[in-house]
Protein backbone atom coordinates (compact mmCIF):
# COMPACT_ATOMS: atom_id res chain seq x y z
CA UNK A 1 0.00 0.00 0.00
CA UNK A 2 1.39 3.39 -0.98
CA UNK A 3 1.11 6.05 1.73
CA UNK A 4 1.07 9.71 0.69
CA UNK A 5 1.59 12.34 3.37
CA UNK A 6 2.23 16.06 3.76
CA UNK A 7 4.45 17.29 6.57
CA UNK A 8 4.26 20.93 7.65
CA UNK A 9 7.60 22.20 8.96
CA UNK A 10 8.69 25.14 11.08
CA UNK A 11 12.32 26.04 10.50
CA UNK A 12 14.42 27.32 13.40
CA UNK A 13 16.47 29.76 11.35
CA UNK A 14 16.14 31.82 8.21
CA UNK A 15 18.45 29.84 5.89
CA UNK A 16 15.56 27.97 4.30
CA UNK A 17 17.32 27.37 0.97
CA UNK A 18 19.83 25.00 2.59
CA UNK A 19 17.08 23.23 4.49
CA UNK A 20 14.99 22.79 1.33
CA UNK A 21 18.03 21.32 -0.48
CA UNK A 22 18.67 18.92 2.41
CA UNK A 23 15.03 17.81 2.55
CA UNK A 24 14.90 17.16 -1.20
CA UNK A 25 17.77 14.67 -0.84
CA UNK A 26 15.87 12.47 1.62
CA UNK A 27 14.43 9.22 0.34
CA UNK A 28 10.65 9.20 0.00
CA UNK A 29 10.51 13.02 -0.35
CA UNK A 30 8.74 13.92 -3.59
CA UNK A 31 8.36 17.68 -3.22
CA UNK A 32 9.37 20.52 -0.89
CA UNK A 33 7.64 23.89 -1.06
CA UNK A 34 8.34 27.02 0.99
CA UNK A 35 5.15 28.72 2.20
CA UNK A 36 4.02 31.77 4.15
CA UNK A 37 2.14 31.52 7.41
CA UNK A 38 2.45 29.50 10.59
CA UNK A 39 4.70 26.95 8.88
CA UNK A 40 7.72 27.54 6.65
CA UNK A 41 7.59 24.49 4.37
CA UNK A 42 5.38 21.70 3.14
CA UNK A 43 7.01 18.35 2.34
CA UNK A 44 5.16 15.82 0.20
CA UNK A 45 6.21 12.20 0.79
CA UNK A 46 5.41 8.82 -0.72
CA UNK A 47 6.25 5.68 1.23
CA UNK A 48 5.27 2.03 0.91
CA UNK A 49 3.90 1.76 4.45
CA UNK A 50 3.15 3.63 7.66
CA UNK A 51 6.30 2.06 9.10
CA UNK A 52 8.44 3.65 6.37
CA UNK A 53 6.74 6.99 7.04
CA UNK A 54 7.58 6.63 10.74
CA UNK A 55 11.23 5.93 9.90
CA UNK A 56 11.35 8.99 7.64
CA UNK A 57 9.81 11.30 10.23
CA UNK A 58 11.53 10.06 13.39
CA UNK A 59 14.90 8.88 12.08
CA UNK A 60 15.51 11.36 9.27
CA UNK A 61 13.37 14.53 9.39
CA UNK A 62 13.45 15.14 13.13
CA UNK A 63 17.23 14.65 13.30
CA UNK A 64 17.86 17.71 11.13
CA UNK A 65 19.11 20.37 13.60
CA UNK A 66 17.54 23.41 11.88
CA UNK A 67 14.11 21.79 11.74
CA UNK A 68 11.61 22.92 14.36
CA UNK A 69 8.12 21.54 14.86
CA UNK A 70 6.45 19.22 12.38
CA UNK A 71 2.85 18.23 11.71
CA UNK A 72 2.19 15.30 9.39
CA UNK A 73 -1.07 14.64 7.58
CA UNK A 74 -1.63 11.31 5.85
CA UNK A 75 -3.87 11.57 2.80
CA UNK A 76 -7.08 9.65 2.39
CA UNK A 77 -6.88 6.71 0.03
CA UNK A 78 -7.53 7.77 -3.55
CA UNK A 79 -10.11 5.83 -5.57
């Protein structure tokens, strides 16, 4: 089962270009977009399972020092 998710990210500093480049190199990351508002970026991911999504979020995303808070939304299954 393919799992699509969007993760909203707050960056801890203003050098967002480097953070975007770093995020784009992560496996399962399909798109990174800088946005205005409460969050600084939206990351679109595609994994093969919830377990892979957990690994991405906890073992890869959250270990990036300049990354602040995250909120992840898993999409509804498309028909």
